[in-house]
Protein backbone atom coordinates (compact mmCIF):
# COMPACT_ATOMS: atom_id res chain seq x y z
CA MET A 1 -134.67 5.81 80.84
CA THR A 2 -133.34 6.44 77.33
CA ASP A 3 -135.28 8.19 74.60
CA PRO A 4 -135.48 5.86 71.54
CA ARG A 5 -135.42 8.89 69.25
CA GLU A 6 -131.95 9.91 70.45
CA LEU A 7 -129.03 9.11 68.15
CA PHE A 8 -125.26 8.75 68.12
CA LEU A 9 -123.24 9.72 65.06
CA ALA A 10 -120.12 7.66 64.35
CA ILE A 11 -117.26 8.27 61.95
CA ASP A 12 -115.48 5.08 60.84
CA GLN A 13 -112.30 6.08 59.03
CA SER A 14 -111.02 2.84 57.54
CA THR A 15 -108.11 2.07 55.23
CA SER A 16 -110.29 2.34 52.15
CA ALA A 17 -113.25 4.59 52.97
CA THR A 18 -114.98 7.07 55.25
CA LYS A 19 -118.31 6.10 56.77
CA ALA A 20 -120.78 8.22 58.68
CA LEU A 21 -123.28 6.16 60.66
CA LEU A 22 -126.27 6.83 62.86
CA PHE A 23 -127.01 4.52 65.78
CA SER A 24 -129.96 4.45 68.13
CA VAL A 25 -129.31 4.39 71.87
CA ASP A 26 -129.93 0.64 71.92
CA GLY A 27 -127.07 0.16 69.41
CA LYS A 28 -129.08 -0.41 66.24
CA LEU A 29 -127.76 0.97 62.96
CA VAL A 30 -130.24 3.54 61.62
CA ASP A 31 -128.49 4.77 58.47
CA GLN A 32 -125.05 5.21 56.96
CA LYS A 33 -123.20 6.83 54.09
CA THR A 34 -119.83 5.83 52.63
CA ILE A 35 -117.27 7.38 50.34
CA SER A 36 -113.96 5.85 49.26
CA HIS A 37 -110.61 7.61 49.10
CA ARG A 38 -107.59 7.07 46.87
CA GLN A 39 -104.83 4.61 47.63
CA ILE A 40 -101.53 6.27 46.69
CA TYR A 41 -98.48 4.14 45.81
CA PRO A 42 -95.49 6.47 45.22
CA LYS A 43 -93.00 3.58 45.09
CA PRO A 44 -93.17 -0.21 45.39
CA GLY A 45 -94.07 -1.06 48.99
CA TRP A 46 -95.10 2.52 49.85
CA VAL A 47 -98.73 3.33 50.65
CA GLU A 48 -100.16 6.79 51.35
CA HIS A 49 -103.50 8.56 51.74
CA ASP A 50 -104.34 12.20 51.06
CA ALA A 51 -105.37 13.34 54.55
CA GLU A 52 -107.06 16.45 53.18
CA GLU A 53 -109.16 14.23 50.91
CA ILE A 54 -110.11 12.15 53.96
CA TYR A 55 -111.18 15.25 55.90
CA LYS A 56 -113.28 16.49 52.98
CA ASN A 57 -114.84 13.04 52.69
CA VAL A 58 -115.77 13.22 56.37
CA GLN A 59 -117.62 16.46 55.65
CA THR A 60 -119.27 14.94 52.58
CA VAL A 61 -120.61 11.81 54.27
CA ILE A 62 -121.88 13.80 57.25
CA ASN A 63 -123.68 16.20 54.89
CA ASP A 64 -125.17 13.29 52.93
CA LEU A 65 -126.38 11.68 56.14
CA LEU A 66 -127.84 15.00 57.29
CA GLU A 67 -129.81 15.45 54.09
CA CYS A 68 -131.35 11.98 54.45
CA ASN A 69 -132.15 12.37 58.15
CA SER A 70 -132.77 16.09 58.59
CA ASP A 71 -135.85 15.47 60.71
CA ARG A 72 -133.78 13.56 63.30
CA TRP A 73 -130.65 15.68 63.47
CA ASN A 74 -131.80 17.57 66.58
CA ASN A 75 -131.86 14.22 68.40
CA LEU A 76 -128.10 13.82 67.98
CA LEU A 77 -126.36 13.25 71.34
CA ALA A 78 -122.70 12.86 70.47
CA LEU A 79 -120.06 11.88 67.91
CA SER A 80 -117.89 8.76 68.22
CA ILE A 81 -114.81 7.97 66.12
CA THR A 82 -113.10 4.72 65.14
CA ASN A 83 -110.18 4.49 62.76
CA GLN A 84 -107.42 2.59 61.01
CA ARG A 85 -105.03 2.51 63.92
CA GLU A 86 -101.48 2.67 62.63
CA THR A 87 -101.87 5.23 59.83
CA PHE A 88 -100.52 8.68 60.79
CA VAL A 89 -100.09 12.20 59.49
CA VAL A 90 -98.21 15.39 60.41
CA PHE A 91 -100.39 18.51 60.33
CA ASP A 92 -100.31 22.25 60.96
CA ARG A 93 -101.05 23.42 64.51
CA ASP A 94 -102.86 26.59 63.41
CA THR A 95 -105.08 25.18 60.68
CA GLY A 96 -105.00 21.40 61.09
CA ALA A 97 -104.08 21.08 57.40
CA PRO A 98 -101.87 18.08 56.60
CA LEU A 99 -98.22 18.85 55.85
CA CYS A 100 -97.65 15.55 54.08
CA ASN A 101 -99.66 12.59 52.88
CA ALA A 102 -100.77 10.21 55.61
CA ILE A 103 -98.47 7.18 55.77
CA VAL A 104 -100.55 4.01 55.87
CA TRP A 105 -100.04 0.96 58.09
CA GLN A 106 -99.34 -1.15 54.98
CA CYS A 107 -96.38 1.02 53.96
CA ARG A 108 -92.95 -0.63 54.24
CA ARG A 109 -90.67 2.43 54.02
CA GLY A 110 -89.46 1.95 57.60
CA ASP A 111 -88.06 -1.53 56.96
CA ASP A 112 -84.39 -0.50 57.00
CA ILE A 113 -84.79 1.42 60.26
CA CYS A 114 -86.52 -1.58 61.84
CA LYS A 115 -83.80 -3.94 60.63
CA LYS A 116 -81.06 -1.79 62.17
CA LEU A 117 -82.87 -1.73 65.51
CA VAL A 118 -83.44 -5.48 65.48
CA ASP A 119 -79.82 -6.13 64.48
CA SER A 120 -78.65 -3.91 67.35
CA GLY A 121 -80.59 -6.04 69.84
CA LYS A 122 -83.48 -3.65 70.60
CA GLY A 123 -86.25 -6.15 69.86
CA GLU A 124 -86.63 -7.50 73.40
CA ILE A 125 -86.90 -4.13 75.14
CA VAL A 126 -89.41 -2.86 72.57
CA HIS A 127 -91.48 -6.03 72.97
CA SER A 128 -91.48 -5.76 76.76
CA LEU A 129 -92.52 -2.09 76.75
CA THR A 130 -95.06 -2.14 73.92
CA GLY A 131 -96.24 -5.72 73.63
CA LEU A 132 -95.51 -5.32 69.91
CA ARG A 133 -92.64 -6.16 67.60
CA ILE A 134 -90.24 -3.83 65.86
CA ASP A 135 -91.98 -3.70 62.51
CA THR A 136 -92.76 -0.95 60.05
CA TYR A 137 -96.45 -1.93 60.30
CA PHE A 138 -96.40 0.40 63.33
CA PRO A 139 -95.80 4.15 62.90
CA ALA A 140 -92.57 4.88 64.83
CA SER A 141 -90.06 3.77 62.19
CA LYS A 142 -91.99 5.50 59.39
CA LEU A 143 -92.22 8.68 61.44
CA ARG A 144 -88.45 8.52 61.93
CA TRP A 145 -88.03 7.99 58.17
CA LEU A 146 -90.26 10.98 57.46
CA LEU A 147 -88.37 13.27 59.84
CA ASP A 148 -85.07 12.25 58.27
CA ASP A 149 -86.44 12.77 54.77
CA ARG A 150 -88.22 16.05 55.58
CA PRO A 151 -86.03 17.97 58.06
CA GLU A 152 -88.36 20.96 57.84
CA LEU A 153 -91.12 18.81 59.31
CA ALA A 154 -88.78 17.68 62.08
CA ALA A 155 -88.03 21.32 62.88
CA ARG A 156 -91.72 22.22 62.91
CA LEU A 157 -92.61 19.33 65.20
CA LYS A 158 -89.84 20.40 67.55
CA ASP A 159 -90.95 24.05 67.68
CA GLY A 160 -94.61 23.05 68.05
CA SER A 161 -95.91 24.55 64.81
CA ALA A 162 -96.66 21.05 63.52
CA LEU A 163 -98.34 18.13 65.25
CA PHE A 164 -98.21 14.35 64.86
CA GLY A 165 -101.19 12.08 65.09
CA THR A 166 -102.87 8.87 64.11
CA ILE A 167 -106.05 9.44 62.12
CA ASP A 168 -108.26 9.77 65.23
CA THR A 169 -106.06 12.62 66.51
CA TYR A 170 -106.09 14.37 63.15
CA LEU A 171 -109.89 14.20 62.81
CA ILE A 172 -110.52 15.25 66.42
CA TYR A 173 -108.22 18.23 65.97
CA ARG A 174 -109.95 19.44 62.85
CA LEU A 175 -113.49 18.69 63.99
CA THR A 176 -112.96 20.63 67.23
CA GLY A 177 -111.63 23.67 65.40
CA CYS A 178 -108.00 22.91 66.33
CA LYS A 179 -108.79 22.94 70.07
CA ILE A 180 -108.26 19.32 71.16
CA TYR A 181 -104.95 17.54 70.48
CA ALA A 182 -105.53 14.07 71.85
CA THR A 183 -105.71 10.36 71.20
CA ASP A 184 -107.00 7.39 73.16
CA HIS A 185 -105.06 4.53 74.72
CA THR A 186 -105.94 2.02 72.00
CA ASN A 187 -104.50 4.16 69.22
CA ALA A 188 -101.50 5.39 71.24
CA SER A 189 -100.59 1.81 72.05
CA ARG A 190 -100.08 1.02 68.35
CA THR A 191 -97.33 3.58 67.69
CA LEU A 192 -94.30 1.80 69.28
CA LEU A 193 -93.91 4.97 71.36
CA TYR A 194 -96.29 3.98 74.19
CA ASP A 195 -95.55 1.88 77.29
CA ILE A 196 -98.33 -0.67 77.61
CA ASN A 197 -97.35 -1.29 81.25
CA THR A 198 -97.56 2.30 82.52
CA LEU A 199 -100.24 3.43 80.01
CA THR A 200 -98.16 6.48 79.05
CA TRP A 201 -95.84 7.70 76.31
CA SER A 202 -92.38 6.21 76.87
CA GLU A 203 -89.31 8.41 77.11
CA GLU A 204 -87.13 5.40 76.35
CA LEU A 205 -89.04 4.49 73.19
CA CYS A 206 -89.17 8.08 72.00
CA ASP A 207 -85.40 8.33 72.43
CA LEU A 208 -84.93 5.06 70.54
CA PHE A 209 -86.85 6.35 67.53
CA GLY A 210 -85.62 9.94 67.83
CA VAL A 211 -89.06 11.43 68.57
CA GLU A 212 -89.67 14.35 70.94
CA ILE A 213 -92.05 13.06 73.62
CA SER A 214 -93.34 16.60 74.18
CA THR A 215 -94.72 16.68 70.63
CA LEU A 216 -97.12 13.76 71.19
CA PRO A 217 -100.86 14.19 71.87
CA GLU A 218 -102.52 13.87 75.26
CA ILE A 219 -103.94 10.40 75.95
CA PHE A 220 -107.54 9.93 77.17
CA GLU A 221 -109.64 6.88 77.91
CA SER A 222 -111.87 5.88 75.01
CA LYS A 223 -115.02 6.88 76.91
CA ALA A 224 -113.66 10.33 77.77
CA TRP A 225 -114.82 13.70 76.44
CA PHE A 226 -112.73 14.71 73.39
CA GLY A 227 -114.14 18.21 72.94
CA ASP A 228 -117.17 19.58 71.13
CA THR A 229 -117.91 19.95 67.43
CA ASP A 230 -120.51 21.51 65.15
CA LEU A 231 -119.45 18.97 62.49
CA VAL A 232 -117.78 21.62 60.36
CA GLY A 233 -120.85 23.81 60.27
CA CYS A 234 -123.36 21.02 59.65
CA LEU A 235 -125.07 21.76 62.98
CA ASN A 236 -126.29 25.03 64.45
CA ARG A 237 -125.06 23.79 67.85
CA ARG A 238 -122.09 21.86 69.17
CA ILE A 239 -122.22 18.24 70.31
CA PRO A 240 -119.62 16.40 72.40
CA ILE A 241 -117.21 13.78 71.12
CA TYR A 242 -117.42 10.67 73.30
CA GLY A 243 -116.11 7.26 72.30
CA VAL A 244 -112.78 7.14 70.42
CA MET A 245 -111.27 3.73 69.78
CA GLY A 246 -109.00 1.98 67.28
CA ASP A 247 -111.01 -0.16 64.89
CA SER A 248 -109.96 -3.64 65.99
CA GLN A 249 -110.33 -2.97 69.70
CA ALA A 250 -113.66 -1.31 68.96
CA ALA A 251 -114.85 -4.49 67.24
CA LEU A 252 -113.74 -6.56 70.26
CA PHE A 253 -115.66 -4.15 72.49
CA ALA A 254 -118.80 -4.33 70.33
CA GLN A 255 -118.62 -8.14 70.35
CA ARG A 256 -118.89 -7.93 74.20
CA CYS A 257 -115.65 -9.89 74.65
CA TYR A 258 -115.37 -8.44 78.13
CA GLU A 259 -114.42 -11.71 79.81
CA MET A 260 -110.98 -13.27 79.80
CA GLY A 261 -110.81 -16.03 77.17
CA SER A 262 -113.29 -14.50 74.73
CA ALA A 263 -112.08 -13.76 71.21
CA LYS A 264 -113.04 -12.18 67.88
CA VAL A 265 -111.73 -11.91 64.35
CA THR A 266 -112.35 -8.88 62.17
CA PHE A 267 -112.25 -9.50 58.42
CA GLY A 268 -111.26 -6.26 56.73
CA THR A 269 -108.56 -5.19 54.28
CA GLY A 270 -106.32 -6.99 56.72
CA SER A 271 -107.54 -8.92 59.72
CA SER A 272 -107.05 -8.70 63.44
CA ILE A 273 -107.73 -11.52 65.85
CA LEU A 274 -108.01 -10.48 69.50
CA LEU A 275 -108.21 -12.73 72.55
CA ASN A 276 -109.03 -11.12 75.90
CA ILE A 277 -106.27 -12.15 78.37
CA GLY A 278 -107.49 -10.11 81.34
CA LYS A 279 -106.10 -7.35 83.51
CA GLU A 280 -102.44 -8.44 83.60
CA MET A 281 -100.03 -7.71 80.75
CA ARG A 282 -98.41 -10.86 79.35
CA LEU A 283 -96.14 -11.45 76.38
CA SER A 284 -96.47 -14.13 73.73
CA LYS A 285 -93.62 -16.45 72.80
CA HIS A 286 -95.22 -17.57 69.54
CA GLY A 287 -95.33 -14.56 67.21
CA ILE A 288 -98.44 -12.95 68.68
CA VAL A 289 -98.39 -9.35 69.89
CA THR A 290 -99.95 -8.10 73.11
CA ALA A 291 -102.52 -5.35 72.59
CA LEU A 292 -104.23 -2.97 74.94
CA GLY A 293 -107.92 -3.80 74.60
CA TRP A 294 -109.17 -0.73 76.44
CA VAL A 295 -108.78 1.30 79.61
CA ILE A 296 -111.84 1.98 81.76
CA ASN A 297 -111.58 4.04 84.95
CA GLY A 298 -107.81 3.57 84.94
CA GLN A 299 -108.04 -0.24 84.65
CA PRO A 300 -106.52 -1.79 81.51
CA THR A 301 -107.75 -4.90 79.75
CA TYR A 302 -105.14 -6.66 77.62
CA ALA A 303 -105.45 -8.98 74.64
CA PHE A 304 -103.30 -11.16 72.46
CA GLU A 305 -103.54 -9.96 68.87
CA GLY A 306 -102.68 -11.70 65.66
CA ILE A 307 -102.32 -9.29 62.76
CA ILE A 308 -102.86 -10.52 59.21
CA ASN A 309 -101.98 -7.89 56.64
CA PHE A 310 -103.74 -9.30 53.55
CA THR A 311 -107.20 -10.86 53.82
CA GLY A 312 -109.91 -8.78 52.17
CA ALA A 313 -107.13 -7.14 50.17
CA THR A 314 -106.40 -10.57 48.64
CA ILE A 315 -109.91 -10.69 47.20
CA SER A 316 -109.53 -7.11 45.96
CA TRP A 317 -106.34 -8.20 44.21
CA LEU A 318 -108.23 -10.95 42.38
CA GLN A 319 -110.70 -8.31 41.22
CA ASP A 320 -108.46 -5.33 40.47
CA GLN A 321 -105.22 -6.92 39.31
CA LEU A 322 -106.10 -10.34 37.89
CA MET A 323 -109.70 -9.43 36.98
CA LEU A 324 -110.85 -12.94 37.85
CA ILE A 325 -113.99 -11.52 39.47
CA LYS A 326 -116.05 -8.38 39.01
CA ASP A 327 -117.17 -8.14 42.63
CA PRO A 328 -116.14 -9.87 45.90
CA SER A 329 -119.71 -11.14 46.28
CA GLU A 330 -119.02 -13.58 43.39
CA THR A 331 -116.36 -15.51 45.30
CA GLU A 332 -118.62 -17.73 47.40
CA ALA A 333 -120.64 -19.16 44.51
CA LEU A 334 -117.52 -19.51 42.36
CA ALA A 335 -115.62 -21.39 45.07
CA LEU A 336 -118.49 -23.84 45.41
CA THR A 337 -118.38 -24.78 41.72
CA VAL A 338 -115.39 -27.03 42.47
CA PRO A 339 -115.34 -29.79 45.11
CA ASP A 340 -112.02 -28.65 46.63
CA ASN A 341 -109.01 -26.49 45.90
CA GLY A 342 -107.56 -28.98 43.42
CA GLY A 343 -104.26 -28.97 45.30
CA VAL A 344 -103.86 -25.19 44.85
CA TYR A 345 -102.61 -23.11 47.80
CA PHE A 346 -102.49 -19.33 47.72
CA VAL A 347 -100.01 -17.69 50.13
CA PRO A 348 -100.93 -13.97 50.11
CA ALA A 349 -97.58 -12.59 51.26
CA PHE A 350 -97.89 -9.47 49.09
CA VAL A 351 -96.08 -7.37 51.70
CA GLY A 352 -94.65 -10.31 53.61
CA LEU A 353 -96.37 -12.51 56.18
CA SER A 354 -97.29 -11.05 59.54
CA ALA A 355 -98.41 -13.07 62.58
CA PRO A 356 -97.20 -15.58 63.53
CA TYR A 357 -94.38 -15.56 60.93
CA TRP A 358 -93.29 -11.89 60.84
CA ARG A 359 -91.36 -12.21 57.59
CA THR A 360 -91.39 -9.01 55.57
CA ASP A 361 -88.82 -10.27 53.06
CA ILE A 362 -90.99 -12.83 51.26
CA ARG A 363 -93.64 -12.36 48.60
CA ALA A 364 -96.92 -13.96 47.56
CA ALA A 365 -97.21 -17.14 45.55
CA ILE A 366 -99.80 -19.54 44.19
CA LEU A 367 -98.60 -23.12 44.45
CA GLY A 368 -99.86 -26.45 43.15
CA ILE A 369 -101.12 -25.22 39.79
CA SER A 370 -101.71 -28.03 37.28
CA PRO A 371 -103.24 -28.25 33.78
CA ASP A 372 -106.62 -28.82 35.46
CA THR A 373 -106.47 -25.61 37.52
CA ASN A 374 -109.15 -23.09 36.63
CA ARG A 375 -110.43 -19.73 37.85
CA ALA A 376 -112.61 -21.31 40.54
CA HIS A 377 -109.63 -23.13 42.07
CA ILE A 378 -107.66 -19.88 42.33
CA VAL A 379 -110.60 -18.03 43.90
CA ARG A 380 -111.29 -20.90 46.31
CA ALA A 381 -107.62 -21.06 47.29
CA ALA A 382 -107.65 -17.31 47.96
CA LEU A 383 -110.66 -17.63 50.29
CA GLU A 384 -109.13 -20.64 52.00
CA SER A 385 -105.88 -18.72 52.56
CA ILE A 386 -107.77 -16.28 54.77
CA ALA A 387 -109.02 -19.14 56.93
CA TYR A 388 -105.57 -20.74 57.08
CA LEU A 389 -103.99 -17.50 58.29
CA VAL A 390 -106.69 -17.18 60.95
CA THR A 391 -106.00 -20.78 61.96
CA ASP A 392 -102.25 -20.07 62.25
CA VAL A 393 -102.97 -17.25 64.69
CA LEU A 394 -105.55 -19.14 66.76
CA LYS A 395 -103.19 -22.11 67.15
CA SER A 396 -100.42 -19.78 68.33
CA MET A 397 -102.75 -18.07 70.79
CA GLY A 398 -103.89 -21.43 72.14
CA THR A 399 -100.28 -22.42 72.73
CA ASP A 400 -99.60 -19.19 74.65
CA GLU A 401 -102.79 -19.21 76.67
CA GLY A 402 -103.13 -22.94 77.19
CA ILE A 403 -106.79 -22.79 76.24
CA LYS A 404 -108.84 -24.18 73.40
CA LEU A 405 -111.53 -21.88 72.11
CA ASP A 406 -114.92 -23.37 71.35
CA THR A 407 -116.40 -20.15 69.92
CA ILE A 408 -115.03 -17.13 68.10
CA TYR A 409 -116.97 -14.00 67.16
CA ALA A 410 -116.53 -12.64 63.63
CA ASP A 411 -117.24 -9.30 62.01
CA GLY A 412 -116.31 -7.32 58.92
CA GLY A 413 -117.42 -7.48 55.31
CA ALA A 414 -116.34 -11.11 54.75
CA VAL A 415 -118.81 -12.50 57.31
CA ARG A 416 -121.34 -12.37 54.47
CA ASN A 417 -119.33 -15.10 52.73
CA ALA A 418 -120.82 -18.29 54.18
CA PHE A 419 -118.19 -20.48 52.47
CA LEU A 420 -115.38 -18.63 54.27
CA MET A 421 -117.15 -18.64 57.66
CA GLN A 422 -117.82 -22.38 57.36
CA PHE A 423 -114.23 -23.06 56.34
CA VAL A 424 -112.93 -21.14 59.39
CA ALA A 425 -115.25 -23.20 61.61
CA ASP A 426 -114.12 -26.46 60.02
CA MET A 427 -110.39 -25.70 60.05
CA ASN A 428 -110.48 -24.80 63.74
CA GLN A 429 -113.22 -27.18 64.85
CA LEU A 430 -115.01 -24.38 66.65
CA THR A 431 -118.24 -22.40 66.29
CA VAL A 432 -118.08 -19.11 64.42
CA ARG A 433 -120.66 -16.52 65.40
CA ALA A 434 -120.77 -14.05 62.54
CA SER A 435 -122.31 -10.79 63.63
CA GLN A 436 -125.36 -9.61 61.71
CA ALA A 437 -124.52 -6.07 62.80
CA PRO A 438 -122.70 -4.73 59.74
CA GLU A 439 -120.49 -2.10 61.38
CA LEU A 440 -118.90 -3.50 64.53
CA SER A 441 -115.97 -1.07 64.78
CA ALA A 442 -118.27 1.94 64.64
CA LEU A 443 -120.63 0.27 67.11
CA GLY A 444 -117.76 -0.39 69.53
CA ALA A 445 -116.81 3.28 69.51
CA VAL A 446 -120.47 4.16 70.14
CA TYR A 447 -120.62 1.66 73.01
CA SER A 448 -117.65 3.49 74.53
CA GLY A 449 -119.56 6.74 74.02
CA PHE A 450 -122.55 5.19 75.80
CA LEU A 451 -120.28 4.61 78.81
CA GLY A 452 -118.94 8.16 78.67
CA LEU A 453 -122.39 9.75 78.58
CA LYS A 454 -123.69 7.15 81.08
CA ILE A 455 -126.49 6.13 78.72
CA HIS A 456 -125.47 2.54 79.41
CA PRO A 457 -123.07 3.16 82.29
CA THR A 458 -121.48 -0.27 82.79
CA LEU A 459 -120.21 -3.25 80.81
CA GLU A 460 -123.07 -5.26 82.30
CA ALA A 461 -125.54 -2.78 80.82
CA LEU A 462 -123.88 -3.04 77.41
CA GLN A 463 -124.16 -6.84 77.58
CA LYS A 464 -127.96 -6.52 77.71
CA LEU A 465 -128.23 -4.67 74.39
CA PRO A 466 -129.62 -6.66 71.41
CA TYR A 467 -127.11 -8.87 69.59
CA LEU A 468 -127.82 -10.99 66.48
CA TYR A 469 -125.46 -13.38 64.70
CA ASP A 470 -125.31 -16.25 62.22
CA GLU A 471 -123.76 -19.39 63.65
CA PHE A 472 -121.47 -21.80 61.80
CA ALA A 473 -120.68 -25.07 63.57
CA PRO A 474 -117.90 -27.35 62.27
CA LEU A 475 -119.15 -29.89 59.72
CA GLU A 476 -116.03 -31.36 58.09
CA ASP A 477 -114.23 -34.47 59.31
CA PRO A 478 -111.25 -33.35 61.46
CA GLU A 479 -108.94 -35.73 59.59
CA TYR A 480 -109.78 -34.03 56.31
CA THR A 481 -109.20 -30.55 57.72
CA LYS A 482 -105.92 -31.71 59.26
CA LYS A 483 -104.75 -32.89 55.84
CA MET A 484 -105.77 -29.58 54.23
CA TYR A 485 -103.93 -27.61 56.91
CA GLU A 486 -100.81 -29.71 56.47
CA GLY A 487 -100.91 -28.79 52.77
CA TRP A 488 -101.09 -25.12 53.75
CA LYS A 489 -98.14 -25.41 56.14
CA ALA A 490 -96.10 -27.12 53.44
CA ALA A 491 -96.90 -24.29 51.00
CA VAL A 492 -95.88 -21.66 53.55
CA GLN A 493 -92.62 -23.47 54.24
CA GLN A 494 -91.82 -23.38 50.52
CA ILE A 495 -92.29 -19.61 50.53
CA LEU A 496 -90.36 -19.08 53.76
CA HIS A 497 -87.36 -20.92 52.36
CA GLN A 498 -87.40 -19.52 48.85
CA PRO A 499 -84.09 -17.98 47.70
CA ARG A 500 -83.76 -14.28 48.58
């Protein structure tokens, strides 16, 4: 019998912000605090974060949450962590302090290394071992670039005075007082250094990218114990860390997509679509990567994943660069002021197109502009582009799996945009169940912590927890949506074949 007063603390370290969240033992969000961090662009195509700033922000949001809930802090059972998966940092073994800026998943500085590996015929072996593609989206090529650019860091990694980690590893190390150097399977599997078949670091992949396998963190299951923390002095006692999971897999876990054939889409800065394909690893032939969903008691669950690198970031671009809107919340009403997109198609290839195209060499474009085009058409086309990219991925997954989805679960900030949710439903002729729970990635990590502490000890027990969603059934005529999608495909083809 659980005590309803007991709480889990979660840290959600996303691409744009740090969140501290309190959840009850039945999975309900009690309170949260958020603070943003800087996006650093040293050169075109390069993206970095100040990892020290991130760590200080973790302390700040925890302190803010403590001040607002001081009467409940003694009821805290554990800490769970979810994070932006492919961002990494190199840090000092003794202090945990970062030795360079974190290199973000959006950063393209590893492109040349990836191209050389692809040109030398390494793509197939990397795909078979990792389920992924050779792409600088994943850390290995950028780590290689960093070690070539900073030989002193390479030397320190080799002698053990420096450590490498994705953001979960970095935060765990610092929060445990530099005692636990570890990651979980979901984060390890996104590095291009991990064998998704054997569930271990790969000597062959490490050799390919010139990384010492001995320098990599220990890998635990997401529900495992990751050490104890006093939350950097916020508590007068230590609590365990249970539940560590990469953000997209955590959202899949929170959506209870535990059965083969269930799928979700997370709408964030970028988007990830995951389809549970069961216990056997399979590879896609249509531009979709194979992800490790989770490992529980040594048993893996795999998923097809379609990665879209610009979705929410497209709306931010309208706000920050074009200044067409003052806030993303304006987009729904603005899009509805026009009956359709007026023939305008927005292809948001700001850093190339990812799944299912995997073309890093092309750039964004807005096509079909006429004298009648106005601000609303551009905004509507931007929202529609998100749905079109989701549709591209779902069609590719359906081809690989031989199944037609009738429902997909949605989460992330954009689920509040009813126009977008309805357009996704219409374009795919399926039902979208948009979660009313606002923080699915954090909740998924907490669910994993529930398993670890045996509060809810099985997947069946997690299925019984409360779950609320808004449902969007398809309303548009399929012939109309087919015509709209054909317009999108034509626009993409124009971009794909533009002169280089």
